[in-house]
Amino acid sequence: MLALALVIGVTSAFATTTSSDPDPEMLKKEIRSQIAELLSEGQFTVNDEKTVYITFTFSSEGEIVVLEIDTLDRDVIRYVRENLNYKKIETPGTRDKLYTMPLTIKEA
């Protein structure tokens, strides 16, 4: 009787483990595209091209939470925070997972 219960339990466990998670690479591309759209909405000019890395996560409400921007340029920090911090996107990533994305700011 115990062996039968174990077989039924294991079989039902395997039957219910289907992966409905989206492809991680596709999700990253969607997040990147939506973030690029948010950043393109603001006006910002620089004198030279620079690349900075933005580290962020998502809140339980699906909002972007900017954690770090690897630059000392206050204008870049302000621009990124104003255009990204606490903004919602259609396809948020995993809550509390750290994401790092390069941002290239080009001369206008």
C-alpha atoms as a PDB file:
ATOM      1  CA  MET A   1       0.000   0.000   0.000  1.00  0.00           C
ATOM      2  CA  LEU A   2       2.813   2.407   0.874  1.00  0.00           C
ATOM      3  CA  ALA A   3       4.679   1.587  -2.373  1.00  0.00           C
ATOM      4  CA  LEU A   4       1.548   2.302  -4.407  1.00  0.00           C
ATOM      5  CA  ALA A   5       1.082   5.683  -2.694  1.00  0.00           C
ATOM      6  CA  LEU A   6       4.739   6.550  -3.390  1.00  0.00           C
ATOM      7  CA  VAL A   7       4.436   5.635  -7.088  1.00  0.00           C
ATOM      8  CA  ILE A   8       1.255   7.688  -7.472  1.00  0.00           C
ATOM      9  CA  GLY A   9       2.823  10.650  -5.651  1.00  0.00           C
ATOM     10  CA  VAL A  10       6.003  10.625  -7.765  1.00  0.00           C
ATOM     11  CA  THR A  11       4.074  10.170 -11.012  1.00  0.00           C
ATOM     12  CA  SER A  12       1.794  13.107 -10.295  1.00  0.00           C
ATOM     13  CA  ALA A  13       4.793  15.254  -9.347  1.00  0.00           C
ATOM     14  CA  PHE A  14       6.435  14.574 -12.726  1.00  0.00           C
ATOM     15  CA  ALA A  15       3.162  15.184 -14.550  1.00  0.00           C
ATOM     16  CA  THR A  16       2.771  18.670 -13.069  1.00  0.00           C
ATOM     17  CA  THR A  17       6.305  19.955 -13.626  1.00  0.00           C
ATOM     18  CA  THR A  18       5.893  21.810 -16.883  1.00  0.00           C
ATOM     19  CA  SER A  19       8.014  24.803 -17.648  1.00  0.00           C
ATOM     20  CA  SER A  20       5.926  27.827 -18.525  1.00  0.00           C
ATOM     21  CA  ASP A  21       8.789  30.245 -17.868  1.00  0.00           C
ATOM     22  CA  PRO A  22       9.694  32.430 -20.829  1.00  0.00           C
ATOM     23  CA  ASP A  23      13.061  32.069 -22.505  1.00  0.00           C
ATOM     24  CA  PRO A  24      15.553  34.025 -20.315  1.00  0.00           C
ATOM     25  CA  GLU A  25      17.361  35.522 -23.310  1.00  0.00           C
ATOM     26  CA  MET A  26      14.096  36.654 -24.878  1.00  0.00           C
ATOM     27  CA  LEU A  27      13.038  38.185 -21.559  1.00  0.00           C
ATOM     28  CA  LYS A  28      16.340  40.100 -21.303  1.00  0.00           C
ATOM     29  CA  LYS A  29      15.861  41.465 -24.824  1.00  0.00           C
ATOM     30  CA  GLU A  30      12.326  42.592 -24.022  1.00  0.00           C
ATOM     31  CA  ILE A  31      13.437  44.280 -20.785  1.00  0.00           C
ATOM     32  CA  ARG A  32      16.327  45.978 -22.609  1.00  0.00           C
ATOM     33  CA  SER A  33      14.054  47.213 -25.386  1.00  0.00           C
ATOM     34  CA  GLN A  34      11.487  48.626 -22.946  1.00  0.00           C
ATOM     35  CA  ILE A  35      14.186  50.325 -20.862  1.00  0.00           C
ATOM     36  CA  ALA A  36      15.715  51.841 -24.003  1.00  0.00           C
ATOM     37  CA  GLU A  37      12.281  53.230 -24.860  1.00  0.00           C
ATOM     38  CA  LEU A  38      11.935  54.798 -21.404  1.00  0.00           C
ATOM     39  CA  LEU A  39      15.386  56.372 -21.662  1.00  0.00           C
ATOM     40  CA  SER A  40      14.737  57.753 -25.134  1.00  0.00           C
ATOM     41  CA  GLU A  41      11.794  59.811 -23.840  1.00  0.00           C
ATOM     42  CA  GLY A  42      13.936  62.318 -21.930  1.00  0.00           C
ATOM     43  CA  GLN A  43      16.164  65.054 -23.282  1.00  0.00           C
ATOM     44  CA  PHE A  44      19.844  64.703 -22.463  1.00  0.00           C
ATOM     45  CA  THR A  45      23.031  65.862 -24.165  1.00  0.00           C
ATOM     46  CA  VAL A  46      26.673  65.121 -23.479  1.00  0.00           C
ATOM     47  CA  ASN A  47      29.936  66.418 -24.900  1.00  0.00           C
ATOM     48  CA  ASP A  48      31.415  62.996 -25.513  1.00  0.00           C
ATOM     49  CA  GLU A  49      30.243  59.401 -25.864  1.00  0.00           C
ATOM     50  CA  LYS A  50      30.282  57.341 -22.682  1.00  0.00           C
ATOM     51  CA  THR A  51      29.080  53.959 -21.548  1.00  0.00           C
ATOM     52  CA  VAL A  52      27.807  53.415 -18.025  1.00  0.00           C
ATOM     53  CA  TYR A  53      26.416  50.279 -16.422  1.00  0.00           C
ATOM     54  CA  ILE A  54      23.088  50.367 -14.644  1.00  0.00           C
ATOM     55  CA  THR A  55      22.314  47.781 -11.965  1.00  0.00           C
ATOM     56  CA  PHE A  56      18.631  47.401 -11.170  1.00  0.00           C
ATOM     57  CA  THR A  57      15.985  45.006  -9.932  1.00  0.00           C
ATOM     58  CA  PHE A  58      12.202  44.823  -9.949  1.00  0.00           C
ATOM     59  CA  SER A  59       9.853  45.433  -7.033  1.00  0.00           C
ATOM     60  CA  SER A  60       6.895  43.212  -6.164  1.00  0.00           C
ATOM     61  CA  GLU A  61       4.724  45.627  -8.182  1.00  0.00           C
ATOM     62  CA  GLY A  62       6.912  45.165 -11.274  1.00  0.00           C
ATOM     63  CA  GLU A  63       8.569  48.575 -10.989  1.00  0.00           C
ATOM     64  CA  ILE A  64      12.208  49.123 -11.945  1.00  0.00           C
ATOM     65  CA  VAL A  65      14.355  49.926  -8.921  1.00  0.00           C
ATOM     66  CA  VAL A  66      17.702  51.459  -9.924  1.00  0.00           C
ATOM     67  CA  LEU A  67      20.369  50.343  -7.471  1.00  0.00           C
ATOM     68  CA  GLU A  68      23.605  51.604  -8.988  1.00  0.00           C
ATOM     69  CA  ILE A  69      24.872  53.656 -11.904  1.00  0.00           C
ATOM     70  CA  ASP A  70      28.637  53.364 -12.356  1.00  0.00           C
ATOM     71  CA  THR A  71      29.431  56.985 -13.068  1.00  0.00           C
ATOM     72  CA  LEU A  72      30.265  60.091 -11.110  1.00  0.00           C
ATOM     73  CA  ASP A  73      28.493  62.325 -13.625  1.00  0.00           C
ATOM     74  CA  ARG A  74      25.561  63.749 -11.668  1.00  0.00           C
ATOM     75  CA  ASP A  75      23.650  64.664 -14.817  1.00  0.00           C
ATOM     76  CA  VAL A  76      23.734  61.052 -16.046  1.00  0.00           C
ATOM     77  CA  ILE A  77      22.691  59.745 -12.628  1.00  0.00           C
ATOM     78  CA  ARG A  78      19.788  62.204 -12.447  1.00  0.00           C
ATOM     79  CA  TYR A  79      18.691  61.427 -16.017  1.00  0.00           C
ATOM     80  CA  VAL A  80      18.685  57.662 -15.475  1.00  0.00           C
ATOM     81  CA  ARG A  81      16.910  57.858 -12.113  1.00  0.00           C
ATOM     82  CA  GLU A  82      14.246  60.259 -13.421  1.00  0.00           C
ATOM     83  CA  ASN A  83      13.506  58.116 -16.468  1.00  0.00           C
ATOM     84  CA  LEU A  84      13.788  54.617 -14.957  1.00  0.00           C
ATOM     85  CA  ASN A  85      13.355  54.540 -11.204  1.00  0.00           C
ATOM     86  CA  TYR A  86       9.925  53.221 -10.176  1.00  0.00           C
ATOM     87  CA  LYS A  87       8.664  53.015 -13.760  1.00  0.00           C
ATOM     88  CA  LYS A  88       6.666  49.963 -14.796  1.00  0.00           C
ATOM     89  CA  ILE A  89       7.286  48.043 -17.982  1.00  0.00           C
ATOM     90  CA  GLU A  90       5.089  45.485 -19.736  1.00  0.00           C
ATOM     91  CA  THR A  91       7.406  42.530 -19.135  1.00  0.00           C
ATOM     92  CA  PRO A  92       9.166  42.974 -15.789  1.00  0.00           C
ATOM     93  CA  GLY A  93      11.900  40.587 -14.776  1.00  0.00           C
ATOM     94  CA  THR A  94      12.122  38.484 -11.652  1.00  0.00           C
ATOM     95  CA  ARG A  95      11.573  40.298  -8.393  1.00  0.00           C
ATOM     96  CA  ASP A  96      14.777  40.948  -6.385  1.00  0.00           C
ATOM     97  CA  LYS A  97      17.025  39.513  -9.113  1.00  0.00           C
ATOM     98  CA  LEU A  98      19.902  41.829 -10.050  1.00  0.00           C
ATOM     99  CA  TYR A  99      20.154  42.941 -13.670  1.00  0.00           C
ATOM    100  CA  THR A 100      23.045  44.894 -15.154  1.00  0.00           C
ATOM    101  CA  MET A 101      22.694  46.707 -18.446  1.00  0.00           C
ATOM    102  CA  PRO A 102      25.176  48.879 -20.339  1.00  0.00           C
ATOM    103  CA  LEU A 103      23.919  52.288 -21.383  1.00  0.00           C
ATOM    104  CA  THR A 104      25.804  54.148 -24.109  1.00  0.00           C
ATOM    105  CA  ILE A 105      25.168  57.882 -24.191  1.00  0.00           C
ATOM    106  CA  LYS A 106      26.181  59.403 -27.484  1.00  0.00           C
ATOM    107  CA  GLU A 107      27.076  62.950 -28.336  1.00  0.00           C
ATOM    108  CA  ALA A 108      24.153  64.835 -29.824  1.00  0.00           C
END
